[in-house]
N, C-alpha and C. Protein backbone atom coordinates (compact mmCIF):
# COMPACT_ATOMS: atom_id res chain seq x y z
N MET A 1 0.94 -1.26 -0.10
CA MET A 1 0.07 -0.03 -0.01
C MET A 1 0.94 1.17 -0.17
N LYS A 2 0.57 2.09 -0.81
CA LYS A 2 1.42 3.43 -1.04
C LYS A 2 1.32 4.31 0.10
N GLU A 3 2.26 4.72 0.71
CA GLU A 3 2.18 5.75 1.99
C GLU A 3 1.66 7.04 1.59
N ARG A 4 1.02 7.73 2.21
CA ARG A 4 0.25 9.04 2.04
C ARG A 4 1.55 9.98 2.01
N SER A 5 1.51 10.92 1.05
CA SER A 5 2.56 11.90 1.21
C SER A 5 2.10 13.00 2.40
N LEU A 6 3.05 13.72 2.83
CA LEU A 6 2.80 14.71 3.81
C LEU A 6 2.43 16.03 3.29
N SER A 7 1.10 16.48 3.90
CA SER A 7 0.74 17.94 3.20
C SER A 7 0.42 18.85 4.34
N GLY A 8 0.53 20.12 3.84
CA GLY A 8 0.33 21.28 4.89
C GLY A 8 -0.57 22.32 4.41
N ILE A 9 -0.89 23.13 5.10
CA ILE A 9 -1.40 24.49 4.92
C ILE A 9 -0.42 25.66 5.28
N ALA A 10 -0.12 26.48 4.55
CA ALA A 10 0.70 27.53 4.69
C ALA A 10 -0.11 28.90 4.87
N LEU A 11 0.28 29.55 6.00
CA LEU A 11 -0.25 31.08 6.32
C LEU A 11 0.17 31.76 5.02
N PHE A 12 -0.39 32.71 4.57
CA PHE A 12 -0.41 33.39 3.30
C PHE A 12 -0.41 34.93 3.36
N SER A 13 0.51 35.65 2.99
CA SER A 13 0.30 37.16 2.88
C SER A 13 0.56 37.67 1.55
N GLY A 14 1.37 36.88 0.80
CA GLY A 14 1.95 37.15 -0.60
C GLY A 14 3.33 37.88 -0.41
N GLY A 15 3.64 37.74 0.88
CA GLY A 15 5.10 38.57 1.08
C GLY A 15 6.25 37.44 1.08
N LYS A 16 7.37 37.93 1.18
CA LYS A 16 8.66 37.31 0.96
C LYS A 16 8.58 36.06 2.01
N ASP A 17 8.37 36.32 3.33
CA ASP A 17 8.50 35.50 4.41
C ASP A 17 7.69 34.27 4.22
N CYS A 18 6.42 34.47 4.07
CA CYS A 18 5.74 33.11 3.89
C CYS A 18 5.67 32.42 2.68
N LEU A 19 6.26 33.02 1.54
CA LEU A 19 6.49 32.16 0.36
C LEU A 19 7.84 31.56 0.42
N TYR A 20 8.83 32.07 1.31
CA TYR A 20 10.06 31.17 1.31
C TYR A 20 9.90 30.32 2.30
N ALA A 21 9.14 30.49 3.38
CA ALA A 21 8.80 29.33 4.35
C ALA A 21 8.37 28.13 3.67
N GLN A 22 7.31 28.71 2.59
CA GLN A 22 6.82 27.70 1.80
C GLN A 22 7.63 26.72 0.85
N TYR A 23 8.47 27.63 0.45
CA TYR A 23 9.63 27.19 -0.66
C TYR A 23 10.30 26.04 0.24
N LEU A 24 10.84 26.49 1.62
CA LEU A 24 11.77 25.70 2.39
C LEU A 24 10.96 24.11 2.58
N ALA A 25 9.52 24.40 3.19
CA ALA A 25 8.77 23.34 3.70
C ALA A 25 8.67 22.23 2.26
N GLU A 26 8.31 22.89 1.13
CA GLU A 26 8.23 22.03 0.13
C GLU A 26 9.26 21.28 -0.37
N ALA A 27 10.74 21.77 -0.06
CA ALA A 27 11.88 21.12 -0.29
C ALA A 27 12.26 20.11 0.62
N GLN A 28 11.02 19.92 1.59
CA GLN A 28 11.32 19.02 2.63
C GLN A 28 10.49 17.79 2.26
N GLY A 29 9.85 17.86 1.20
CA GLY A 29 8.79 16.93 0.68
C GLY A 29 7.43 17.03 1.09
N ILE A 30 7.17 18.28 1.60
CA ILE A 30 5.80 18.61 2.23
C ILE A 30 4.88 19.26 0.85
N THR A 31 3.61 18.41 0.67
CA THR A 31 3.07 19.07 -0.46
C THR A 31 2.23 20.14 0.03
N ILE A 32 1.92 21.55 -0.30
CA ILE A 32 1.29 22.53 0.33
C ILE A 32 0.07 23.17 -0.84
N PRO A 33 -1.24 22.19 -0.58
CA PRO A 33 -2.12 22.76 -1.68
C PRO A 33 -2.95 23.94 -1.26
N TYR A 34 -2.87 24.20 0.09
CA TYR A 34 -3.97 25.40 0.50
C TYR A 34 -2.92 26.60 1.07
N LEU A 35 -3.25 28.00 0.90
CA LEU A 35 -2.78 29.01 1.42
C LEU A 35 -3.79 29.78 2.15
N LEU A 36 -3.29 30.26 3.20
CA LEU A 36 -4.18 30.64 4.17
C LEU A 36 -4.23 32.24 4.63
N VAL A 37 -5.01 32.93 4.15
CA VAL A 37 -4.94 34.40 4.47
C VAL A 37 -6.04 34.44 5.89
N LEU A 38 -5.49 35.43 6.61
CA LEU A 38 -6.30 35.56 7.76
C LEU A 38 -6.85 37.19 7.84
N LYS A 39 -7.97 37.32 7.82
CA LYS A 39 -8.96 38.73 7.95
C LYS A 39 -8.35 38.93 9.38
N THR A 40 -7.64 39.92 9.74
CA THR A 40 -7.30 40.46 10.95
C THR A 40 -8.18 41.10 11.72
N THR A 41 -8.23 41.03 13.10
CA THR A 41 -9.13 42.12 13.73
C THR A 41 -8.39 43.05 14.58
N ILE A 42 -6.96 43.13 14.25
CA ILE A 42 -6.13 43.93 15.10
C ILE A 42 -5.68 45.20 14.07
N GLY A 43 -6.62 45.80 13.21
CA GLY A 43 -6.19 47.10 12.43
C GLY A 43 -6.15 46.67 10.91
N THR A 44 -5.57 47.46 10.27
CA THR A 44 -5.68 47.38 8.98
C THR A 44 -4.34 46.52 8.32
N SER A 45 -4.76 45.53 7.45
CA SER A 45 -3.83 44.79 7.01
C SER A 45 -3.46 45.18 5.51
N PRO A 46 -2.33 45.76 5.15
CA PRO A 46 -1.89 46.15 3.83
C PRO A 46 -2.16 45.02 2.79
N HIS A 47 -1.69 43.66 3.38
CA HIS A 47 -1.91 42.77 2.35
C HIS A 47 -3.57 42.35 2.35
N TYR A 48 -4.07 42.32 3.37
CA TYR A 48 -5.56 41.83 3.20
C TYR A 48 -6.24 42.85 2.20
N GLU A 49 -5.70 44.18 2.45
CA GLU A 49 -6.60 45.27 1.59
C GLU A 49 -6.11 45.02 0.08
N ASN A 50 -5.36 44.10 -0.22
CA ASN A 50 -5.14 44.03 -1.60
C ASN A 50 -5.39 42.35 -2.01
N VAL A 51 -6.44 41.76 -1.42
CA VAL A 51 -6.66 40.63 -1.34
C VAL A 51 -6.88 40.07 -2.64
N ASN A 52 -7.59 40.93 -3.54
CA ASN A 52 -7.82 40.39 -5.06
C ASN A 52 -6.66 40.08 -5.64
N GLU A 53 -5.59 41.04 -5.36
CA GLU A 53 -4.12 40.50 -6.05
C GLU A 53 -3.43 39.40 -5.45
N LEU A 54 -3.56 39.10 -4.00
CA LEU A 54 -3.25 37.90 -3.72
C LEU A 54 -3.73 36.71 -4.35
N GLU A 55 -4.89 36.93 -4.78
CA GLU A 55 -5.53 35.51 -5.40
C GLU A 55 -4.72 35.51 -6.90
N LYS A 56 -4.17 36.41 -7.54
CA LYS A 56 -3.44 36.32 -8.77
C LYS A 56 -2.27 35.60 -8.34
N ILE A 57 -1.73 35.87 -7.18
CA ILE A 57 -0.49 35.08 -6.86
C ILE A 57 -0.71 33.70 -6.70
N THR A 58 -1.79 33.20 -6.06
CA THR A 58 -2.00 31.81 -5.62
C THR A 58 -2.50 31.09 -7.01
N ARG A 59 -3.15 31.83 -7.80
CA ARG A 59 -3.34 31.26 -9.19
C ARG A 59 -2.26 31.01 -9.89
N ALA A 60 -1.14 31.96 -10.03
CA ALA A 60 0.07 31.65 -10.71
C ALA A 60 0.84 30.52 -10.09
N MET A 61 0.60 30.18 -8.83
CA MET A 61 1.23 29.09 -7.76
C MET A 61 0.34 27.99 -8.22
N LYS A 62 -0.77 27.92 -8.70
CA LYS A 62 -1.88 26.82 -8.72
C LYS A 62 -1.97 26.14 -7.46
N ARG A 63 -2.54 27.03 -6.51
CA ARG A 63 -2.83 26.61 -5.00
C ARG A 63 -4.19 27.32 -4.93
N GLU A 64 -4.82 26.72 -3.86
CA GLU A 64 -6.07 27.12 -3.52
C GLU A 64 -5.99 28.23 -2.46
N LEU A 65 -6.68 29.41 -2.63
CA LEU A 65 -6.36 30.40 -1.56
C LEU A 65 -7.99 30.35 -0.58
N LEU A 66 -7.52 30.11 0.43
CA LEU A 66 -8.73 30.15 1.70
C LEU A 66 -8.34 31.38 2.63
N ILE A 67 -9.72 32.04 2.99
CA ILE A 67 -9.73 33.12 3.88
C ILE A 67 -10.47 32.84 5.10
N PHE A 68 -9.82 33.23 6.05
CA PHE A 68 -10.69 32.96 7.52
C PHE A 68 -10.63 34.29 8.31
N ASP A 69 -11.76 34.68 8.66
CA ASP A 69 -12.15 35.67 9.47
C ASP A 69 -11.67 35.54 11.03
N MET A 70 -10.66 36.33 11.57
CA MET A 70 -10.37 36.06 12.87
C MET A 70 -11.38 36.32 13.87
N ARG A 71 -12.42 37.04 13.39
CA ARG A 71 -13.50 37.39 14.33
C ARG A 71 -14.08 36.16 14.82
N MET A 72 -14.22 34.94 14.06
CA MET A 72 -14.55 33.60 14.73
C MET A 72 -13.81 33.07 15.69
N GLY A 73 -12.73 33.51 15.95
CA GLY A 73 -11.80 33.05 17.25
C GLY A 73 -10.91 31.88 16.84
N ASP A 74 -9.74 31.60 17.69
CA ASP A 74 -8.75 30.72 17.58
C ASP A 74 -9.48 29.11 17.49
N HIS A 75 -10.46 29.04 18.24
CA HIS A 75 -11.11 27.68 18.24
C HIS A 75 -11.49 27.30 16.84
N ALA A 76 -12.36 28.19 16.35
CA ALA A 76 -12.77 27.86 15.00
C ALA A 76 -11.81 27.72 13.94
N LEU A 77 -10.70 28.61 14.01
CA LEU A 77 -9.62 28.44 13.04
C LEU A 77 -8.95 27.06 13.19
N ALA A 78 -8.64 26.55 14.49
CA ALA A 78 -8.08 25.27 14.64
C ALA A 78 -9.03 24.29 14.06
N GLU A 79 -10.33 24.36 14.22
CA GLU A 79 -11.39 23.53 13.53
C GLU A 79 -11.44 23.17 12.09
N PHE A 80 -11.16 24.81 11.50
CA PHE A 80 -11.14 24.87 10.16
C PHE A 80 -9.96 23.99 9.48
N ILE A 81 -8.80 24.31 10.07
CA ILE A 81 -7.38 23.82 9.76
C ILE A 81 -7.62 22.40 9.76
N SER A 82 -8.07 21.63 10.98
CA SER A 82 -8.40 20.42 11.12
C SER A 82 -9.10 19.66 9.99
N SER A 83 -10.16 20.49 9.50
CA SER A 83 -11.02 19.87 8.73
C SER A 83 -10.33 19.46 7.11
N LEU A 84 -9.21 20.04 7.09
CA LEU A 84 -8.48 20.19 5.63
C LEU A 84 -7.66 18.90 5.43
N ASN A 85 -7.51 17.87 6.66
CA ASN A 85 -6.70 16.66 6.77
C ASN A 85 -5.44 16.96 6.18
N VAL A 86 -4.78 18.02 6.75
CA VAL A 86 -3.28 18.08 6.36
C VAL A 86 -2.60 17.78 7.50
N ASP A 87 -1.35 17.65 7.47
CA ASP A 87 -0.27 17.35 8.44
C ASP A 87 0.52 18.37 9.08
N TYR A 88 0.56 19.69 8.31
CA TYR A 88 1.26 20.43 8.93
C TYR A 88 0.65 22.21 8.65
N LEU A 89 0.98 22.89 9.69
CA LEU A 89 0.69 24.23 9.61
C LEU A 89 1.95 25.11 9.47
N ILE A 90 2.24 25.75 8.49
CA ILE A 90 3.41 26.09 8.03
C ILE A 90 3.33 27.97 8.15
N ALA A 91 4.41 28.45 8.75
CA ALA A 91 4.39 29.91 9.01
C ALA A 91 5.97 30.65 8.72
N GLY A 92 5.95 31.71 8.68
CA GLY A 92 7.42 32.36 8.45
C GLY A 92 8.12 33.22 9.38
N ASP A 93 7.79 32.67 10.56
CA ASP A 93 8.31 33.63 11.76
C ASP A 93 9.90 33.57 11.85
N VAL A 94 10.52 34.36 12.25
CA VAL A 94 11.94 34.14 12.39
C VAL A 94 11.99 34.30 13.88
N PHE A 95 11.98 35.56 14.49
CA PHE A 95 12.17 35.70 16.01
C PHE A 95 10.96 36.33 16.70
N LEU A 96 9.91 36.23 16.19
CA LEU A 96 8.76 36.93 17.10
C LEU A 96 7.93 35.59 17.76
N GLU A 97 8.44 35.72 18.90
CA GLU A 97 7.98 34.33 19.79
C GLU A 97 6.49 34.33 20.30
N ASP A 98 5.81 35.50 20.24
CA ASP A 98 4.53 35.40 20.51
C ASP A 98 3.77 34.75 19.58
N HIS A 99 4.21 35.25 18.17
CA HIS A 99 3.56 34.53 17.07
C HIS A 99 3.83 33.32 16.96
N PHE A 100 5.10 32.78 17.17
CA PHE A 100 5.61 31.52 17.12
C PHE A 100 4.51 30.62 17.86
N LYS A 101 4.48 31.08 19.37
CA LYS A 101 3.88 30.14 20.36
C LYS A 101 2.51 30.28 19.98
N TRP A 102 1.73 31.09 19.26
CA TRP A 102 0.35 31.10 18.79
C TRP A 102 0.33 30.27 17.65
N ILE A 103 1.28 30.12 16.82
CA ILE A 103 1.11 29.10 15.51
C ILE A 103 1.24 27.83 16.22
N THR A 104 2.02 27.46 17.37
CA THR A 104 2.14 26.11 17.87
C THR A 104 0.94 25.63 18.53
N ARG A 105 0.30 26.95 19.15
CA ARG A 105 -0.90 26.34 19.86
C ARG A 105 -2.26 25.97 18.74
N ILE A 106 -2.31 26.69 17.91
CA ILE A 106 -3.30 26.58 16.93
C ILE A 106 -3.11 25.28 16.13
N ALA A 107 -1.82 24.78 15.84
CA ALA A 107 -1.45 23.67 15.24
C ALA A 107 -1.91 22.52 16.38
N LYS A 108 -1.63 22.59 17.40
CA LYS A 108 -1.89 21.69 18.72
C LYS A 108 -3.30 21.50 18.66
N LYS A 109 -4.08 22.47 18.64
CA LYS A 109 -5.42 22.34 18.57
C LYS A 109 -6.10 21.60 17.58
N ALA A 110 -5.65 21.84 16.25
CA ALA A 110 -5.95 21.20 14.94
C ALA A 110 -5.29 19.96 15.22
N LYS A 111 -4.67 19.52 15.99
CA LYS A 111 -4.12 17.91 16.07
C LYS A 111 -3.39 17.69 14.95
N ILE A 112 -2.21 18.71 14.33
CA ILE A 112 -1.49 18.74 13.43
C ILE A 112 -0.04 19.21 13.90
N LYS A 113 1.15 19.53 13.25
CA LYS A 113 2.20 19.92 13.66
C LYS A 113 2.22 21.21 13.29
N ALA A 114 3.17 22.07 13.98
CA ALA A 114 3.42 23.43 13.37
C ALA A 114 5.04 23.40 12.68
N LEU A 115 5.31 24.02 11.50
CA LEU A 115 6.54 24.24 11.06
C LEU A 115 6.84 25.58 10.68
N GLU A 116 8.05 26.07 11.36
CA GLU A 116 8.49 27.15 11.07
C GLU A 116 10.08 27.21 10.41
N PRO A 117 9.83 27.15 9.20
CA PRO A 117 11.48 26.87 8.57
C PRO A 117 12.57 28.00 8.73
N LEU A 118 11.97 29.05 8.89
CA LEU A 118 12.85 30.14 8.99
C LEU A 118 13.29 30.51 10.60
N TRP A 119 12.86 30.05 11.42
CA TRP A 119 12.78 30.29 12.95
C TRP A 119 14.43 30.17 13.55
N GLY A 120 14.66 31.51 13.98
CA GLY A 120 16.11 31.63 14.59
C GLY A 120 17.06 31.91 13.49
N LYS A 121 16.94 32.31 12.17
CA LYS A 121 17.91 32.38 11.07
C LYS A 121 18.47 33.80 11.36
N ASN A 122 19.51 34.18 10.91
CA ASN A 122 20.11 35.59 10.99
C ASN A 122 19.43 36.04 9.91
N THR A 123 18.61 37.37 10.10
CA THR A 123 17.77 38.12 9.12
C THR A 123 18.57 38.67 7.83
N PHE A 124 19.81 38.98 8.11
CA PHE A 124 20.68 39.35 7.01
C PHE A 124 21.00 38.43 5.99
N GLU A 125 21.49 37.04 6.83
CA GLU A 125 21.58 36.14 5.92
C GLU A 125 20.59 35.31 5.24
N LEU A 126 19.36 35.72 6.09
CA LEU A 126 17.91 35.27 5.47
C LEU A 126 17.75 35.95 4.08
N ALA A 127 17.75 37.11 4.40
CA ALA A 127 17.40 38.13 3.12
C ALA A 127 18.16 37.78 1.89
N ARG A 128 19.46 37.54 2.20
CA ARG A 128 20.43 37.09 1.05
C ARG A 128 19.99 35.86 0.55
N GLU A 129 19.61 34.94 1.37
CA GLU A 129 19.33 33.64 0.85
C GLU A 129 18.21 33.68 0.05
N ILE A 130 17.05 34.35 0.47
CA ILE A 130 15.78 34.50 -0.14
C ILE A 130 16.16 35.00 -1.74
N LEU A 131 16.93 36.34 -1.84
CA LEU A 131 17.17 36.85 -2.99
C LEU A 131 18.00 35.98 -3.90
N THR A 132 18.74 35.06 -3.49
CA THR A 132 19.87 34.16 -4.25
C THR A 132 19.04 32.93 -4.55
N SER A 133 17.78 32.69 -3.81
CA SER A 133 16.77 31.72 -4.25
C SER A 133 15.81 32.09 -5.42
N ASP A 134 16.26 33.08 -5.96
CA ASP A 134 15.35 33.46 -7.49
C ASP A 134 14.23 34.31 -6.62
N PHE A 135 14.03 34.88 -5.55
CA PHE A 135 12.90 35.66 -5.31
C PHE A 135 13.14 37.06 -5.75
N GLU A 136 12.05 37.80 -5.92
CA GLU A 136 12.23 39.40 -6.05
C GLU A 136 10.80 39.87 -5.33
N TYR A 137 11.07 40.90 -4.42
CA TYR A 137 9.96 41.50 -3.82
C TYR A 137 9.91 43.07 -3.85
N THR A 138 8.73 43.54 -3.51
CA THR A 138 8.62 44.99 -3.27
C THR A 138 7.92 45.40 -1.94
N ILE A 139 8.38 46.45 -1.77
CA ILE A 139 7.94 47.01 -0.37
C ILE A 139 6.42 47.52 -0.77
N ILE A 140 5.21 47.05 -0.07
CA ILE A 140 3.98 47.91 -0.21
C ILE A 140 3.56 48.55 1.14
N ALA A 141 4.11 48.31 2.37
CA ALA A 141 3.84 49.26 3.36
C ALA A 141 4.97 49.40 3.99
N THR A 142 5.00 50.75 4.65
CA THR A 142 5.81 50.96 5.81
C THR A 142 5.33 51.59 6.94
N HIS A 143 6.00 51.11 8.30
CA HIS A 143 5.56 51.69 9.64
C HIS A 143 5.87 53.12 9.71
N LYS A 144 4.93 53.73 9.99
CA LYS A 144 5.16 55.35 9.78
C LYS A 144 5.95 55.92 10.69
N GLU A 145 6.39 55.03 11.94
CA GLU A 145 7.22 55.45 12.82
C GLU A 145 8.62 54.97 12.72
N LYS A 146 9.02 54.27 11.53
CA LYS A 146 10.16 53.56 11.37
C LYS A 146 10.93 53.49 10.10
N LEU A 147 9.80 53.82 9.08
CA LEU A 147 10.43 53.91 7.60
C LEU A 147 9.61 54.91 6.86
N SER A 148 10.28 55.63 6.01
CA SER A 148 9.63 56.67 5.36
C SER A 148 8.73 56.07 4.09
N LYS A 149 7.71 56.86 3.80
CA LYS A 149 6.81 56.31 2.80
C LYS A 149 7.43 56.24 1.47
N GLU A 150 8.66 56.94 1.45
CA GLU A 150 9.30 57.24 0.00
C GLU A 150 9.96 55.58 -0.47
N TRP A 151 10.11 54.77 0.50
CA TRP A 151 10.28 53.52 0.10
C TRP A 151 9.16 52.39 -0.41
N LEU A 152 8.12 53.00 -0.26
CA LEU A 152 6.91 52.24 -0.91
C LEU A 152 7.08 52.28 -2.24
N GLY A 153 7.51 50.82 -2.90
CA GLY A 153 7.64 50.45 -4.25
C GLY A 153 8.99 50.15 -4.54
N TYR A 154 9.99 50.15 -3.43
CA TYR A 154 11.20 49.81 -3.60
C TYR A 154 11.17 48.33 -4.05
N THR A 155 12.01 47.89 -5.04
CA THR A 155 12.24 46.39 -5.15
C THR A 155 13.52 45.72 -4.69
N PHE A 156 13.51 44.52 -4.24
CA PHE A 156 14.53 43.94 -4.01
C PHE A 156 14.73 42.94 -4.95
N SER A 157 15.69 42.91 -5.82
CA SER A 157 15.86 42.15 -6.78
C SER A 157 17.20 41.51 -6.90
N SER A 158 18.10 41.93 -6.17
CA SER A 158 19.59 41.61 -5.82
C SER A 158 20.22 41.90 -4.62
N ILE A 159 21.32 41.32 -4.31
CA ILE A 159 22.06 41.54 -2.96
C ILE A 159 22.21 43.15 -2.82
N GLU A 160 22.68 43.55 -4.07
CA GLU A 160 23.22 45.04 -4.29
C GLU A 160 22.15 46.00 -3.70
N ASP A 161 20.64 45.55 -4.13
CA ASP A 161 19.45 46.20 -3.80
C ASP A 161 19.32 46.05 -2.19
N LEU A 162 19.57 45.07 -1.60
CA LEU A 162 19.47 44.83 -0.05
C LEU A 162 20.35 45.72 0.58
N GLU A 163 21.84 45.55 0.10
CA GLU A 163 22.69 46.32 0.65
C GLU A 163 22.45 47.95 0.41
N TYR A 164 22.06 48.49 -0.48
CA TYR A 164 21.72 49.79 -0.72
C TYR A 164 20.46 50.44 0.38
N PHE A 165 19.38 49.31 0.45
CA PHE A 165 18.54 49.77 1.13
C PHE A 165 18.98 49.78 2.81
N LEU A 166 19.81 48.79 3.32
CA LEU A 166 20.28 48.57 4.42
C LEU A 166 21.40 49.94 4.84
N GLN A 167 22.04 50.24 3.89
CA GLN A 167 23.07 51.52 3.92
C GLN A 167 22.12 52.60 4.33
N ALA A 168 20.99 52.88 3.78
CA ALA A 168 20.30 53.95 3.65
C ALA A 168 19.60 54.03 5.04
N ASN A 169 19.20 52.84 5.55
CA ASN A 169 18.24 52.62 6.80
C ASN A 169 18.91 51.40 7.81
N PRO A 170 19.89 51.95 8.16
CA PRO A 170 20.84 51.00 9.23
C PRO A 170 20.01 50.28 10.35
N GLN A 171 18.88 51.22 10.89
CA GLN A 171 18.27 50.77 11.80
C GLN A 171 17.04 49.76 11.51
N ILE A 172 16.95 49.36 10.43
CA ILE A 172 15.85 48.61 9.92
C ILE A 172 16.36 47.18 9.79
N ASP A 173 15.64 46.03 10.42
CA ASP A 173 15.96 44.90 10.24
C ASP A 173 15.67 44.30 8.62
N PRO A 174 16.80 43.59 8.11
CA PRO A 174 16.86 43.24 7.00
C PRO A 174 15.56 42.82 6.24
N ILE A 175 14.76 42.14 7.04
CA ILE A 175 13.64 41.59 6.31
C ILE A 175 12.25 42.07 6.88
N GLY A 176 12.58 43.39 7.78
CA GLY A 176 11.56 43.89 8.17
C GLY A 176 10.65 43.05 9.54
N GLU A 177 11.37 42.34 10.22
CA GLU A 177 10.95 41.36 11.09
C GLU A 177 10.16 42.04 12.13
N PHE A 178 10.28 43.43 12.52
CA PHE A 178 9.65 44.06 13.43
C PHE A 178 8.48 44.83 12.86
N GLY A 179 8.06 44.52 11.78
CA GLY A 179 6.93 45.31 11.24
C GLY A 179 7.30 46.72 10.44
N GLU A 180 8.57 46.83 10.08
CA GLU A 180 9.19 47.86 9.69
C GLU A 180 8.60 48.40 8.26
N PHE A 181 8.33 47.02 7.54
CA PHE A 181 7.87 47.12 6.36
C PHE A 181 7.52 45.86 5.75
N HIS A 182 6.45 45.80 4.93
CA HIS A 182 5.91 44.48 4.42
C HIS A 182 5.85 44.48 2.89
N THR A 183 6.02 43.29 2.37
CA THR A 183 6.42 43.06 0.87
C THR A 183 5.34 42.42 0.31
N ILE A 184 5.33 42.33 -1.17
CA ILE A 184 4.74 41.15 -2.21
C ILE A 184 5.86 40.55 -2.94
N VAL A 185 5.65 39.48 -3.32
CA VAL A 185 6.67 38.89 -3.93
C VAL A 185 6.11 39.14 -5.51
N LEU A 186 7.02 39.24 -6.39
CA LEU A 186 7.13 39.66 -7.83
C LEU A 186 7.57 38.44 -8.69
N LYS A 187 8.68 37.62 -8.14
CA LYS A 187 9.15 36.53 -8.79
C LYS A 187 9.53 35.45 -7.68
N SER A 188 9.45 34.29 -8.25
CA SER A 188 9.92 33.09 -7.29
C SER A 188 9.99 32.00 -8.19
N PRO A 189 10.39 30.94 -7.63
CA PRO A 189 10.50 29.60 -8.17
C PRO A 189 9.03 28.94 -8.41
N PHE A 190 8.03 29.65 -7.67
CA PHE A 190 6.66 29.20 -7.88
C PHE A 190 5.77 29.72 -9.19
N PHE A 191 6.75 30.73 -9.61
CA PHE A 191 5.84 31.40 -10.85
C PHE A 191 6.49 30.96 -12.36
N LYS A 192 5.76 30.78 -13.36
CA LYS A 192 6.43 30.62 -14.57
C LYS A 192 6.81 32.04 -15.14
N GLU A 193 6.39 33.18 -14.78
CA GLU A 193 6.74 34.56 -15.16
C GLU A 193 6.60 35.49 -14.20
N ARG A 194 7.58 36.33 -14.11
CA ARG A 194 7.36 37.45 -13.19
C ARG A 194 6.48 38.36 -13.16
N LEU A 195 5.85 38.80 -12.20
CA LEU A 195 4.71 39.70 -11.93
C LEU A 195 5.34 41.03 -12.04
N LYS A 196 4.38 42.03 -12.38
CA LYS A 196 4.65 43.60 -12.37
C LYS A 196 3.71 44.20 -11.41
N LEU A 197 4.30 45.11 -10.64
CA LEU A 197 3.16 45.90 -9.84
C LEU A 197 2.92 47.14 -10.33
N ARG A 198 1.72 47.66 -10.47
CA ARG A 198 1.34 48.90 -10.76
C ARG A 198 0.82 49.46 -9.72
N LYS A 199 1.32 50.67 -9.14
CA LYS A 199 0.84 51.43 -7.98
C LYS A 199 -0.27 52.05 -8.29
N LEU A 200 -1.49 52.10 -7.54
CA LEU A 200 -2.76 52.82 -7.70
C LEU A 200 -2.94 53.92 -6.91
N SER A 201 -2.51 53.76 -5.72
CA SER A 201 -2.67 54.82 -4.54
C SER A 201 -1.99 54.70 -3.26
N ILE A 202 -1.76 55.66 -2.62
CA ILE A 202 -0.99 55.55 -1.36
C ILE A 202 -2.12 55.95 -0.45
N LYS A 203 -2.19 54.91 0.71
CA LYS A 203 -3.24 55.10 1.85
C LYS A 203 -2.48 55.18 3.06
N GLU A 204 -3.24 55.62 4.05
CA GLU A 204 -2.65 55.96 5.57
C GLU A 204 -3.51 55.18 6.60
N SER A 205 -3.15 54.36 7.26
CA SER A 205 -3.71 53.88 8.55
C SER A 205 -3.07 54.36 9.83
N GLU A 206 -3.53 53.72 10.79
CA GLU A 206 -3.06 54.19 12.09
C GLU A 206 -1.42 53.95 12.48
N LYS A 207 -1.11 52.78 11.48
CA LYS A 207 0.39 52.56 11.84
C LYS A 207 1.08 52.76 10.35
N TYR A 208 0.61 52.37 9.36
CA TYR A 208 1.21 52.19 8.01
C TYR A 208 0.89 53.25 7.18
N TRP A 209 1.94 53.61 6.22
CA TRP A 209 1.50 53.98 4.84
C TRP A 209 1.55 52.64 3.95
N TRP A 210 0.57 52.59 3.07
CA TRP A 210 0.41 51.43 2.48
C TRP A 210 -0.15 51.56 1.01
N MET A 211 0.13 50.61 0.03
CA MET A 211 -0.34 50.93 -1.32
C MET A 211 -1.40 49.89 -1.73
N LYS A 212 -2.37 50.45 -2.68
CA LYS A 212 -3.24 49.77 -3.25
C LYS A 212 -2.39 49.60 -4.56
N PHE A 213 -2.57 48.38 -5.04
CA PHE A 213 -1.84 47.81 -6.30
C PHE A 213 -2.39 46.86 -7.18
N ARG A 214 -2.12 46.88 -8.17
CA ARG A 214 -2.32 45.84 -9.27
C ARG A 214 -1.22 45.04 -9.71
N LEU A 215 -1.45 43.70 -9.67
CA LEU A 215 -0.57 42.88 -10.49
C LEU A 215 -0.75 42.33 -11.69
N VAL A 216 0.19 42.53 -12.56
CA VAL A 216 0.09 42.18 -14.04
C VAL A 216 1.24 41.24 -14.42
N ARG A 217 0.87 40.40 -15.65
CA ARG A 217 2.05 39.51 -15.89
C ARG A 217 3.11 40.57 -16.52
N GLY A 218 4.24 39.90 -16.24
CA GLY A 218 5.40 40.66 -17.01
C GLY A 218 5.65 40.46 -18.26
């Protein structure tokens, strides 16, 4: 009898961290048919505000996009994940321990395993690793107290782009792990062709400057 392959559901925002975590999980032999977007209850999410564009990314990846409203609570989320009959809940935390513990709790309630492939990595080395793995990403939101909105739309496509950004912003974590900025992936091993981002407008929330954008095929 053929052994069932391992499968997972990955938290998804369209940003570099979640996609690279998925990339590493799949390199371990885990199939990830589902990408999960959480509709947050704790303020504006620049990613969720562009959820229609996230759907374009999942279509390019040939994966199913699932959306869960966190107003329903953690218990309902765990039940939803459990109903999918997967083995892993995958996320892209690096050293935000509270979120790491939350992922672990949700996975335990769903009776599956949590997998955090990026956990504990040096963020400068991680940023270099992402870029040298054929990923390209653009800043779509900046924290108003930490990074100027002039960096909205800045694209990381090479180590040189990373080094230029860090030289101009030495106080910022290389991957924005403390919420300094958020990104959208335009190129990855998951895509057959590069996506292009068209900026529609710049919005302001309590915490962020963020972009409404449209993704088109390159």
